[in-house]
Protein backbone atom coordinates (compact mmCIF):
# COMPACT_ATOMS: atom_id res chain seq x y z
CA MET A 1 -13.02 -17.47 -4.42
CA HIS A 2 -12.24 -21.05 -3.46
CA ALA A 3 -10.94 -24.08 -5.20
CA ARG A 4 -12.68 -27.29 -4.62
CA VAL A 5 -9.99 -30.01 -3.68
CA GLY A 6 -10.80 -33.32 -2.34
CA GLY A 7 -14.25 -32.28 -1.33
CA SER A 8 -13.16 -29.38 0.75
CA ASP A 9 -12.94 -25.65 0.02
CA LEU A 10 -9.40 -24.39 0.00
CA PRO A 11 -8.43 -20.70 -0.31
CA VAL A 12 -7.23 -19.39 -3.64
CA ILE A 13 -3.87 -17.58 -3.37
CA LEU A 14 -3.20 -14.71 -5.87
CA SER A 15 -0.17 -16.48 -7.39
CA GLU A 16 -2.41 -19.41 -8.38
CA LEU A 17 -4.44 -17.22 -10.78
CA PRO A 18 -3.69 -17.14 -14.44
CA SER A 19 -0.83 -14.48 -15.31
CA ASN A 20 -3.21 -12.07 -17.04
CA SER A 21 -6.25 -12.37 -14.78
CA VAL A 22 -4.95 -10.04 -12.11
CA ALA A 23 -4.86 -7.10 -14.36
CA ARG A 24 -8.18 -8.02 -15.87
CA LYS A 25 -9.91 -8.20 -12.47
CA LEU A 26 -8.28 -4.97 -11.37
CA ALA A 27 -9.55 -3.14 -14.40
CA ALA A 28 -13.02 -4.50 -14.25
CA ASP A 29 -15.00 -5.10 -11.03
CA GLY A 30 -11.89 -5.32 -8.86
CA LEU A 31 -9.77 -7.88 -7.07
CA ILE A 32 -10.77 -8.71 -3.53
CA LEU A 33 -7.87 -9.65 -1.21
CA GLN A 34 -7.78 -10.68 2.41
CA VAL A 35 -5.09 -8.51 4.09
CA GLY A 36 -4.74 -9.43 7.75
CA PRO A 37 -8.13 -8.89 9.34
CA PHE A 38 -9.41 -6.65 6.51
CA SER A 39 -10.72 -7.39 3.04
CA PHE A 40 -9.96 -4.93 0.29
CA ARG A 41 -11.50 -4.53 -3.22
CA LEU A 42 -8.76 -3.11 -5.37
CA ILE A 43 -9.81 -1.46 -8.64
CA SER A 44 -7.34 0.08 -11.07
CA PRO A 45 -6.81 0.14 -14.88
CA ILE A 46 -3.21 1.28 -14.51
CA ASP A 47 -0.67 -1.40 -15.45
CA LEU A 48 1.82 -0.35 -12.77
CA VAL A 49 -0.75 -1.14 -10.10
CA ALA A 50 -1.28 -4.60 -11.58
CA GLU A 51 2.39 -5.22 -11.72
CA GLY A 52 2.84 -4.19 -8.03
CA VAL A 53 -0.08 -6.21 -6.70
CA THR A 54 1.07 -9.31 -8.59
CA ALA A 55 4.57 -9.06 -7.20
CA MET A 56 3.79 -7.94 -3.52
CA TYR A 57 0.57 -9.71 -2.95
CA ALA A 58 1.37 -13.06 -4.57
CA ASP A 59 0.81 -14.99 -1.32
CA TYR A 60 -2.56 -13.37 -0.26
CA GLU A 61 -5.92 -15.03 -0.31
CA VAL A 62 -8.27 -14.04 -3.19
CA LEU A 63 -11.95 -13.64 -2.03
CA ASP A 64 -15.01 -14.18 -4.20
CA GLU A 65 -17.85 -11.78 -4.64
CA SER A 66 -19.95 -13.39 -1.88
CA ARG A 67 -17.62 -12.24 0.78
CA PHE A 68 -17.99 -8.86 2.63
CA VAL A 69 -15.55 -6.10 1.64
CA ASP A 70 -14.26 -3.68 4.29
CA TYR A 71 -12.81 -1.17 1.94
CA THR A 72 -12.90 -0.43 -1.85
CA VAL A 73 -9.81 1.37 -3.10
CA THR A 74 -9.75 2.70 -6.60
CA ILE A 75 -6.70 4.01 -8.27
CA THR A 76 -7.61 5.44 -11.62
CA HIS A 77 -6.39 7.82 -14.30
CA GLY A 78 -6.64 11.58 -13.99
CA ARG A 79 -9.45 13.17 -15.85
CA GLY A 80 -9.43 15.29 -19.00
CA LEU A 81 -6.06 16.14 -20.42
CA ARG A 82 -4.32 14.63 -17.31
CA ARG A 83 -5.31 11.25 -18.70
CA TRP A 84 -3.03 11.79 -21.66
CA VAL A 85 -0.59 14.74 -20.88
CA GLY A 86 1.11 14.88 -17.61
CA ARG A 87 -0.60 11.71 -16.77
CA GLN A 88 -1.92 11.30 -13.22
CA ALA A 89 -3.10 8.68 -10.72
CA VAL A 90 -6.11 9.39 -8.49
CA PHE A 91 -7.19 7.71 -5.40
CA GLU A 92 -11.06 7.43 -5.19
CA PHE A 93 -13.01 6.21 -1.97
CA ASP A 94 -16.74 6.42 -1.55
CA GLY A 95 -17.08 9.07 -4.20
CA ALA A 96 -14.37 11.31 -2.76
CA GLU A 97 -10.65 11.95 -3.52
CA PRO A 98 -9.01 12.04 -0.29
CA PHE A 99 -5.43 12.80 -1.77
CA ILE A 100 -4.19 15.15 -4.37
CA PRO A 101 -3.53 13.45 -7.69
CA LEU A 102 -0.04 12.18 -8.26
CA PRO A 103 2.10 11.38 -11.36
CA VAL A 104 0.94 8.02 -12.91
CA ASP A 105 4.19 6.35 -12.13
CA HIS A 106 3.44 6.85 -8.47
CA ALA A 107 0.26 4.72 -8.83
CA PHE A 108 1.33 1.62 -6.88
CA PRO A 109 2.78 3.52 -3.93
CA LEU A 110 -0.38 5.58 -3.97
CA LEU A 111 -2.39 2.23 -3.59
CA GLU A 112 -0.34 1.35 -0.53
CA TRP A 113 -0.77 4.81 1.07
CA SER A 114 -4.51 4.64 0.31
CA MET A 115 -4.91 1.27 1.98
CA ASN A 116 -3.08 2.64 5.04
CA TRP A 117 -5.41 5.69 4.98
CA CYS A 118 -8.51 3.44 4.92
CA ILE A 119 -7.51 1.55 8.02
CA SER A 120 -6.18 4.41 9.93
CA MET A 121 -9.29 6.52 9.23
CA HIS A 122 -11.96 3.89 9.85
CA ALA A 123 -10.83 0.86 11.91
CA HIS A 124 -11.73 2.23 15.22
CA HIS A 125 -12.47 -1.22 16.60
CA TYR A 126 -8.74 -1.19 17.21
CA LEU A 127 -6.37 1.23 18.86
CA LEU A 128 -4.22 2.22 15.95
CA LEU A 129 -0.58 3.06 16.43
CA HIS A 130 1.73 4.44 13.62
CA SER A 131 4.26 1.76 14.43
CA ALA A 132 6.20 -1.31 13.24
CA VAL A 133 5.39 -4.58 15.20
CA ILE A 134 7.42 -7.60 15.19
CA GLU A 135 7.16 -10.83 17.25
CA ARG A 136 9.09 -13.74 18.66
CA GLU A 137 7.81 -16.52 20.98
CA GLY A 138 4.44 -14.82 21.28
CA CYS A 139 5.92 -11.49 22.51
CA ALA A 140 5.72 -8.35 20.42
CA VAL A 141 8.00 -5.36 19.99
CA ILE A 142 6.15 -2.17 19.20
CA MET A 143 8.50 0.26 17.39
CA PRO A 144 6.92 3.72 16.87
CA ALA A 145 9.21 6.38 15.35
CA PRO A 146 8.99 9.44 13.13
CA PRO A 147 10.20 9.45 9.48
CA GLY A 148 14.00 9.18 9.16
CA SER A 149 14.32 7.09 12.41
CA GLY A 150 15.22 3.84 10.61
CA LYS A 151 12.13 2.07 11.82
CA SER A 152 11.26 0.34 8.61
CA THR A 153 14.85 -0.55 7.84
CA LEU A 154 15.19 -2.14 11.28
CA CYS A 155 11.87 -4.01 10.86
CA ALA A 156 12.92 -5.30 7.54
CA GLY A 157 16.29 -6.54 8.90
CA LEU A 158 14.75 -8.20 11.91
CA VAL A 159 11.91 -10.02 10.07
CA ASN A 160 14.62 -11.53 7.88
CA ARG A 161 16.61 -12.71 10.87
CA GLY A 162 14.02 -14.65 12.89
CA TRP A 163 11.44 -12.27 13.94
CA ARG A 164 7.80 -12.40 12.55
CA LEU A 165 6.34 -9.44 10.75
CA LEU A 166 3.12 -8.21 12.26
CA SER A 167 3.12 -4.73 10.61
CA ASP A 168 5.52 -2.14 9.26
CA GLU A 169 3.12 0.83 9.64
CA LEU A 170 0.14 0.04 11.77
CA ALA A 171 -0.18 -1.63 15.03
CA LEU A 172 -3.64 -3.05 15.59
CA ILE A 173 -4.36 -3.11 19.29
CA SER A 174 -7.43 -5.15 20.65
CA LEU A 175 -9.82 -2.88 22.72
CA ILE A 176 -10.61 -5.97 24.77
CA ASP A 177 -7.34 -7.42 25.89
CA ALA A 178 -4.55 -5.22 24.28
CA THR A 179 -3.29 -8.11 22.10
CA ILE A 180 -1.92 -7.24 18.72
CA THR A 181 -3.45 -8.54 15.44
CA PRO A 182 -1.09 -9.05 12.55
CA LEU A 183 -1.70 -7.03 9.38
CA GLY A 184 1.05 -8.54 7.33
CA ARG A 185 1.56 -5.91 4.57
CA PRO A 186 4.69 -5.31 2.50
CA ILE A 187 7.35 -3.16 4.11
CA SER A 188 7.76 0.32 2.81
CA LEU A 189 11.40 1.30 2.35
CA LYS A 190 12.82 4.64 1.27
CA ASN A 191 16.08 6.11 -0.16
CA GLN A 192 19.26 4.49 1.16
CA SER A 193 17.31 1.91 3.04
CA ILE A 194 16.38 0.10 -0.21
CA GLU A 195 20.00 -0.74 -0.96
CA ILE A 196 20.84 -1.52 2.57
CA ILE A 197 18.21 -4.20 2.68
CA ARG A 198 19.07 -5.49 -0.83
CA ALA A 199 22.57 -6.18 0.55
CA PHE A 200 21.18 -7.55 3.86
CA VAL A 201 18.67 -9.85 2.29
CA PRO A 202 19.96 -10.83 -1.13
CA ASP A 203 16.94 -13.03 -2.04
CA ALA A 204 14.34 -10.37 -1.04
CA VAL A 205 11.50 -9.38 -3.50
CA PHE A 206 11.15 -5.66 -4.07
CA SER A 207 8.61 -3.69 -6.07
CA GLN A 208 9.90 -1.27 -8.68
CA VAL A 209 11.68 1.71 -7.13
CA VAL A 210 9.58 4.95 -7.55
CA HIS A 211 11.61 8.20 -7.51
CA ASP A 212 10.66 11.72 -6.68
CA THR A 213 7.70 10.93 -4.35
CA SER A 214 6.86 13.10 -1.26
CA LYS A 215 8.97 10.52 0.65
CA GLY A 216 11.87 10.36 -1.88
CA SER A 217 12.58 7.13 -3.68
CA VAL A 218 10.42 4.27 -2.46
CA SER A 219 10.09 0.59 -2.86
CA LEU A 220 8.12 -2.13 -1.11
CA LEU A 221 9.59 -5.34 0.34
CA LYS A 222 7.44 -8.43 -0.06
CA ALA A 223 6.30 -9.91 3.27
CA PRO A 224 7.71 -13.43 3.92
CA ARG A 225 5.31 -16.13 2.91
CA GLU A 226 5.88 -18.11 6.11
CA HIS A 227 4.78 -15.10 8.05
CA LEU A 228 1.56 -14.79 6.14
CA LEU A 229 0.74 -18.39 6.87
CA ARG A 230 0.65 -17.38 10.50
CA ILE A 231 -1.46 -14.27 9.98
CA ASN A 232 -4.09 -15.44 12.51
CA GLU A 233 -1.72 -15.64 15.36
CA ILE A 234 -2.03 -12.75 17.74
CA ALA A 235 0.80 -11.59 19.96
CA ARG A 236 1.05 -9.79 23.27
CA PRO A 237 3.00 -6.59 23.76
CA ARG A 238 6.30 -7.16 25.63
CA TRP A 239 8.49 -4.29 24.63
CA VAL A 240 7.98 -0.68 23.36
CA ILE A 241 11.26 0.39 21.63
CA PHE A 242 11.80 3.82 19.96
CA PRO A 243 14.53 3.32 17.31
CA GLN A 244 16.84 5.97 15.99
CA TYR A 245 19.44 5.29 13.26
CA GLU A 246 22.63 7.26 13.65
CA ALA A 247 25.65 6.75 11.34
CA GLY A 248 28.56 5.10 13.12
CA ALA A 249 26.73 4.66 16.45
CA ILE A 250 27.27 1.68 18.52
CA PRO A 251 24.10 -0.14 19.49
CA GLN A 252 22.70 1.17 22.64
CA LEU A 253 19.50 0.22 24.37
CA SER A 254 18.49 2.81 27.10
CA ALA A 255 15.68 2.41 29.57
CA ARG A 256 12.99 5.10 29.38
CA SER A 257 10.09 5.82 31.68
CA LYS A 258 6.73 4.21 31.14
CA ALA A 259 5.09 7.65 31.65
CA SER A 260 7.07 9.24 28.71
CA SER A 261 6.70 6.12 26.57
CA MET A 262 2.84 6.28 27.03
CA LEU A 263 2.83 9.98 26.11
CA GLU A 264 4.77 9.33 22.96
CA LEU A 265 2.66 6.31 21.98
CA GLY A 266 -0.44 8.45 22.34
CA ARG A 267 1.19 10.99 19.98
CA ASN A 268 1.83 8.19 17.50
CA SER A 269 -1.79 6.95 17.60
CA PHE A 270 -4.30 7.64 14.84
CA ASN A 271 -7.38 7.33 17.08
CA TYR A 272 -6.34 7.68 20.74
CA VAL A 273 -8.47 10.77 21.11
CA VAL A 274 -11.31 9.39 19.10
CA LEU A 275 -11.46 6.36 21.50
CA GLY A 276 -11.36 8.63 24.61
CA LEU A 277 -11.36 6.67 27.88
CA LYS A 278 -11.10 3.23 26.22
CA GLY A 279 -8.03 4.46 24.33
CA PHE A 280 -6.38 5.53 27.54
CA GLU A 281 -7.19 2.18 29.30
CA ILE A 282 -5.92 0.08 26.39
CA LEU A 283 -2.72 2.13 25.95
CA SER A 284 -2.11 1.83 29.82
CA LYS A 285 -2.38 -1.93 29.39
CA VAL A 286 0.15 -1.94 26.55
CA ILE A 287 2.56 0.09 28.67
CA ASP A 288 1.98 -1.91 31.86
CA ALA A 289 2.87 -5.12 29.90
CA SER A 290 5.93 -3.67 28.28
CA ASP A 291 9.61 -2.74 29.04
CA CYS A 292 10.29 0.57 27.34
CA TYR A 293 13.58 1.60 25.57
CA ASP A 294 15.20 4.03 23.34
CA PHE A 295 17.51 2.35 20.88
CA GLN A 296 20.36 3.79 18.86
CA TYR A 297 21.96 1.81 16.10
CA SER A 298 23.86 2.03 12.81
CA GLN A 299 24.52 -1.60 11.83
CA LEU A 300 21.78 -4.14 11.25
CA ASN A 301 23.68 -7.13 12.38
CA ASP A 302 24.45 -5.31 15.76
CA ALA A 303 20.76 -4.45 16.02
CA VAL A 304 19.62 -8.06 15.51
CA ALA A 305 22.06 -9.25 18.20
CA VAL A 306 20.55 -6.62 20.71
CA PHE A 307 16.91 -7.73 19.93
CA ASP A 308 17.83 -11.46 20.16
CA GLU A 309 19.36 -10.68 23.59
CA LEU A 310 15.99 -9.16 24.77
CA VAL A 311 14.35 -12.61 24.15
CA SER A 312 17.17 -14.58 25.74
CA ARG A 313 17.16 -12.22 28.81
CA ARG A 314 13.31 -12.51 29.15
CA GLY A 315 13.78 -16.35 29.35
CA ARG A 316 16.24 -15.85 32.25
CA ASP A 317 14.21 -13.23 34.24
C-alpha cells in the first residue's frame, strides 16, 4: 500500500491508517507488514492482537496486496467450546498448528513467538543465531545467551543509550559476507526486567503485560522509530559477548577463546547443522572478525559504560 504524494509513491506507515482499520484488516484478509527483510501477512479476529499490533508496529510499513508475502501468520480462536469457555488462541501456519493452543489473553505474545518461529524454521538463506544484536559505528555486538541471562534487559538498556537495535532474538547473518541484516522487532522482556526498563527508560512504550505464560510475565518494548528508519543499514560483526546478570556483581568483561565462542554460537544457532559446511564457514568468519568476551553485570548504567568503552578502545587500537 502506498500513498501518492507529489507524484511519487511513499510508503504507508501503520500509524497513518484510520484507528479502526487495523483491527478490520487483521480480522478480514490480513494486514501485510514489512518487518526487516521479511513481509508478514498477519491475520487475527482477536482484539488483543489488534491492540498489540497497533501499539508495537505503529512505525512499520504496510504493504499492499500486490507485494510478495514471506509468511502468513494466523492467530485465531480455539474451536468448539474453547471459543467460548476456557477461551483459547491458536497459531495456524500453512494448514498446521505448530504450537499447542494457549489462553486467549496470551494471543499477542503468541503472535510474536509465531513470527520468530516462521523465521527460525524457514529463513535458511541466513545463518540464524538465537541472539540479540546491537550496533554502533557500523560495528555489531552479537549477544547470545540462555533464558535468565539478562540478554534482553541489557539489549533494551543499550538501545536506549546510543546503540542501534538490530534484533533482540534473531541474528540474521549473510551467507555471502557474514554481515548482519537488521530485523528491528520489538524487544521481549520478562518478569522483573519489565519494571527495570520502565525505570531506566521512562518514556518507553510497552505492550500490555501478560501473566502466567511459559516464560512468566511478559511484555514487549517498542523498537525506537529512529532505528527503524535505518532498517536497511547492515552491520559487520565486531564483538561476540556472552552476558550474564548477577545481582550485586560489578561489571566485568573477561576475554574468552575464539574456539569456545564458536562452539557456543553453534549451539545457539537454529540452522547451523542444516547449512552444513556453509554454516561452518560463515560462523568462522563471524568469529575471526570478532573479539569474544564473557560479561557479568548487575546495573545497566555500569553495563552501558563498559560497552561504550569498547567502541572508544576500538578507535584507539
